[in-house]
């Protein structure tokens, strides 16, 4: 599945930073997703999911990064900067929407999400506003590491819901 040739060494280094954040989230008992915001190839900020720890279902790593850095993103976009989001899990609809609204130019994700991923959407089927702002999206970078964290988390929960989602992830890799 992974075609690392399309990714630069810098991309790999940045994704490893996101994976470090995901590991911290896992160690704190949270859904293991990490994200890194990059502007003009410079790391600006890192976040990890806090939805279980904060008891707030919108505390996704990507959304936290974008929200906390929205003024900087807007300023940099206006000056022609390239803003990229690296995340260990394929963005959900909420995080993809925030990325589009904030004009993120590129999203790189590690593990596809068969449960909540939304990058398969076709922007041409949406309004022109979305199509004009749609980021370049690339997936699969270091996916085995992210997949392993996701599986570890889901197995530790051992509930009907998590076991159902676990089966989706396992089927994806068969």
Protein backbone atom coordinates (compact mmCIF):
# COMPACT_ATOMS: atom_id res chain seq x y z
CA UNK A 1 0.00 0.00 0.00
CA UNK A 2 2.72 2.47 0.91
CA UNK A 3 4.50 4.21 -1.94
CA UNK A 4 7.12 6.22 -0.12
CA UNK A 5 8.79 7.35 -3.36
CA UNK A 6 6.21 10.12 -3.76
CA UNK A 7 7.16 11.54 -0.36
CA UNK A 8 10.31 13.52 0.43
CA UNK A 9 12.66 12.83 3.32
CA UNK A 10 11.28 16.00 4.90
CA UNK A 11 7.75 14.57 4.63
CA UNK A 12 8.89 11.44 6.45
CA UNK A 13 10.56 13.43 9.22
CA UNK A 14 7.42 15.54 9.70
CA UNK A 15 5.17 12.46 9.76
CA UNK A 16 7.42 10.93 12.43
CA UNK A 17 6.73 14.03 14.55
CA UNK A 18 3.01 13.42 14.08
CA UNK A 19 3.50 9.77 15.04
CA UNK A 20 5.26 10.88 18.24
CA UNK A 21 2.18 12.95 19.11
CA UNK A 22 -0.07 9.96 18.35
CA UNK A 23 2.01 7.78 20.70
CA UNK A 24 1.64 10.36 23.47
CA UNK A 25 -2.13 10.39 22.91
CA UNK A 26 -2.20 6.59 23.12
CA UNK A 27 -0.13 6.61 26.32
CA UNK A 28 -2.62 9.07 27.82
CA UNK A 29 -5.50 6.76 26.90
CA UNK A 30 -6.71 8.79 23.95
CA UNK A 31 -7.40 7.94 20.32
CA UNK A 32 -3.87 7.86 18.83
CA UNK A 33 -3.85 10.65 16.29
CA UNK A 34 -1.13 13.24 15.95
CA UNK A 35 -0.87 16.17 13.57
CA UNK A 36 1.75 18.70 12.53
CA UNK A 37 1.20 22.10 10.90
CA UNK A 38 3.89 23.14 8.43
CA UNK A 39 4.24 26.54 6.79
CA UNK A 40 6.78 26.95 4.01
CA UNK A 41 8.36 23.62 4.99
CA UNK A 42 8.88 24.77 8.59
CA UNK A 43 7.15 23.03 11.49
CA UNK A 44 4.91 25.55 13.23
CA UNK A 45 2.97 23.43 15.74
CA UNK A 46 2.10 19.88 16.79
CA UNK A 47 -1.01 18.51 18.46
CA UNK A 48 -2.55 15.21 19.45
CA UNK A 49 -6.11 14.09 19.90
CA UNK A 50 -7.69 14.99 23.22
CA UNK A 51 -11.28 13.91 22.60
CA UNK A 52 -11.34 11.29 25.34
CA UNK A 53 -9.23 13.23 27.84
CA UNK A 54 -11.11 16.50 27.29
CA UNK A 55 -14.44 14.68 26.93
CA UNK A 56 -14.95 16.80 23.82
CA UNK A 57 -15.61 14.99 20.57
CA UNK A 58 -14.26 17.83 18.44
CA UNK A 59 -10.83 17.85 20.11
CA UNK A 60 -9.24 16.26 17.07
CA UNK A 61 -5.53 16.94 16.59
CA UNK A 62 -6.06 18.55 13.18
CA UNK A 63 -8.88 20.82 14.30
CA UNK A 64 -6.95 21.90 17.40
CA UNK A 65 -3.94 22.81 15.24
CA UNK A 66 -5.98 24.77 12.74
CA UNK A 67 -8.06 26.57 15.35
CA UNK A 68 -5.10 27.56 17.52
CA UNK A 69 -3.12 28.79 14.52
CA UNK A 70 -5.89 30.24 12.35
CA UNK A 71 -4.63 33.85 12.48
CA UNK A 72 -1.12 32.79 11.48
CA UNK A 73 -2.48 30.55 8.71
CA UNK A 74 -4.61 33.40 7.33
CA UNK A 75 -1.66 35.80 7.42
CA UNK A 76 0.67 33.34 5.72
CA UNK A 77 -1.87 32.32 3.06
CA UNK A 78 -2.37 35.99 2.15
CA UNK A 79 1.40 36.37 1.65
CA UNK A 80 1.53 33.33 -0.65
CA UNK A 81 2.90 30.77 1.79
CA UNK A 82 2.34 27.05 1.44
CA UNK A 83 0.46 25.64 4.45
CA UNK A 84 0.49 21.87 4.96
CA UNK A 85 -1.15 19.54 7.43
CA UNK A 86 0.41 16.18 8.30
CA UNK A 87 -1.76 13.75 10.23
CA UNK A 88 -1.47 10.14 11.25
CA UNK A 89 -5.06 9.29 10.35
CA UNK A 90 -7.05 10.22 7.27
CA UNK A 91 -9.03 13.35 8.15
CA UNK A 92 -12.68 13.11 9.06
CA UNK A 93 -15.25 15.35 7.40
CA UNK A 94 -14.95 17.99 10.16
CA UNK A 95 -11.15 18.22 9.93
CA UNK A 96 -11.18 18.16 6.13
CA UNK A 97 -13.77 20.96 6.16
CA UNK A 98 -11.65 23.04 8.52
CA UNK A 99 -8.64 22.45 6.26
CA UNK A 100 -10.52 23.57 3.17
CA UNK A 101 -12.01 26.60 4.95
CA UNK A 102 -8.57 27.64 6.15
CA UNK A 103 -7.04 27.06 2.71
CA UNK A 104 -4.58 24.38 3.71
CA UNK A 105 -2.72 23.69 0.47
CA UNK A 106 -1.67 20.09 1.15
CA UNK A 107 -2.76 17.32 3.49
CA UNK A 108 -0.54 14.30 4.04
CA UNK A 109 -1.99 11.45 6.08
CA UNK A 110 -0.56 8.18 7.24
CA UNK A 111 -3.30 5.62 7.83
CA UNK A 112 -6.52 5.49 5.81
CA UNK A 113 -9.63 5.58 8.00
CA UNK A 114 -12.29 3.08 6.88
CA UNK A 115 -14.59 4.31 9.64
CA UNK A 116 -14.51 8.09 9.35
CA UNK A 117 -12.15 9.13 6.56
CA UNK A 118 -13.43 11.68 4.09
CA UNK A 119 -10.64 12.35 1.59
CA UNK A 120 -12.40 10.25 -1.05
CA UNK A 121 -14.90 13.08 -1.56
CA UNK A 122 -14.87 14.56 -5.04
CA UNK A 123 -14.64 18.36 -4.76
CA UNK A 124 -16.18 18.69 -8.24
CA UNK A 125 -19.41 17.31 -6.79
CA UNK A 126 -19.44 20.09 -4.19
CA UNK A 127 -19.92 23.77 -4.85
CA UNK A 128 -17.33 25.78 -6.75
CA UNK A 129 -16.19 27.39 -3.49
CA UNK A 130 -14.90 24.04 -2.20
CA UNK A 131 -13.45 22.97 -5.52
CA UNK A 132 -11.36 26.16 -5.77
CA UNK A 133 -9.93 25.71 -2.26
CA UNK A 134 -9.50 21.93 -2.24
CA UNK A 135 -6.04 20.89 -1.00
CA UNK A 136 -3.72 18.37 -2.56
CA UNK A 137 -4.23 15.16 -0.55
CA UNK A 138 -1.71 12.33 -0.28
CA UNK A 139 -2.06 9.28 1.91
CA UNK A 140 -0.16 6.23 3.06
CA UNK A 141 3.06 7.74 4.43
CA UNK A 142 4.37 5.48 7.25
CA UNK A 143 0.92 3.89 7.43
CA UNK A 144 2.07 0.72 9.20
CA UNK A 145 3.20 2.68 12.26
CA UNK A 146 -0.07 4.58 12.50
CA UNK A 147 -2.13 1.48 11.81
CA UNK A 148 -0.33 -0.31 14.65
CA UNK A 149 -1.20 2.46 17.11
CA UNK A 150 -4.85 2.43 16.02
CA UNK A 151 -5.10 -1.35 16.43
CA UNK A 152 -3.43 -1.20 19.85
CA UNK A 153 -5.92 1.43 21.02
CA UNK A 154 -8.99 -0.40 19.74
CA UNK A 155 -7.93 -3.75 21.21
CA UNK A 156 -7.38 -2.09 24.59
CA UNK A 157 -10.97 -0.81 24.63
CA UNK A 158 -12.58 -4.18 23.89
CA UNK A 159 -16.12 -2.86 23.54
CA UNK A 160 -18.70 -3.74 20.92
CA UNK A 161 -18.23 -0.39 19.17
CA UNK A 162 -14.44 -0.48 19.15
CA UNK A 163 -14.40 -4.13 18.09
CA UNK A 164 -16.64 -3.26 15.12
CA UNK A 165 -14.30 -0.43 14.09
CA UNK A 166 -11.30 -2.70 14.65
CA UNK A 167 -12.74 -5.16 12.13
CA UNK A 168 -12.96 -2.35 9.55
CA UNK A 169 -9.29 -1.50 10.05
CA UNK A 170 -8.22 -5.15 9.93
CA UNK A 171 -10.24 -5.77 6.75
CA UNK A 172 -8.58 -2.78 5.13
CA UNK A 173 -5.18 -4.49 5.44
CA UNK A 174 -6.18 -7.98 4.34
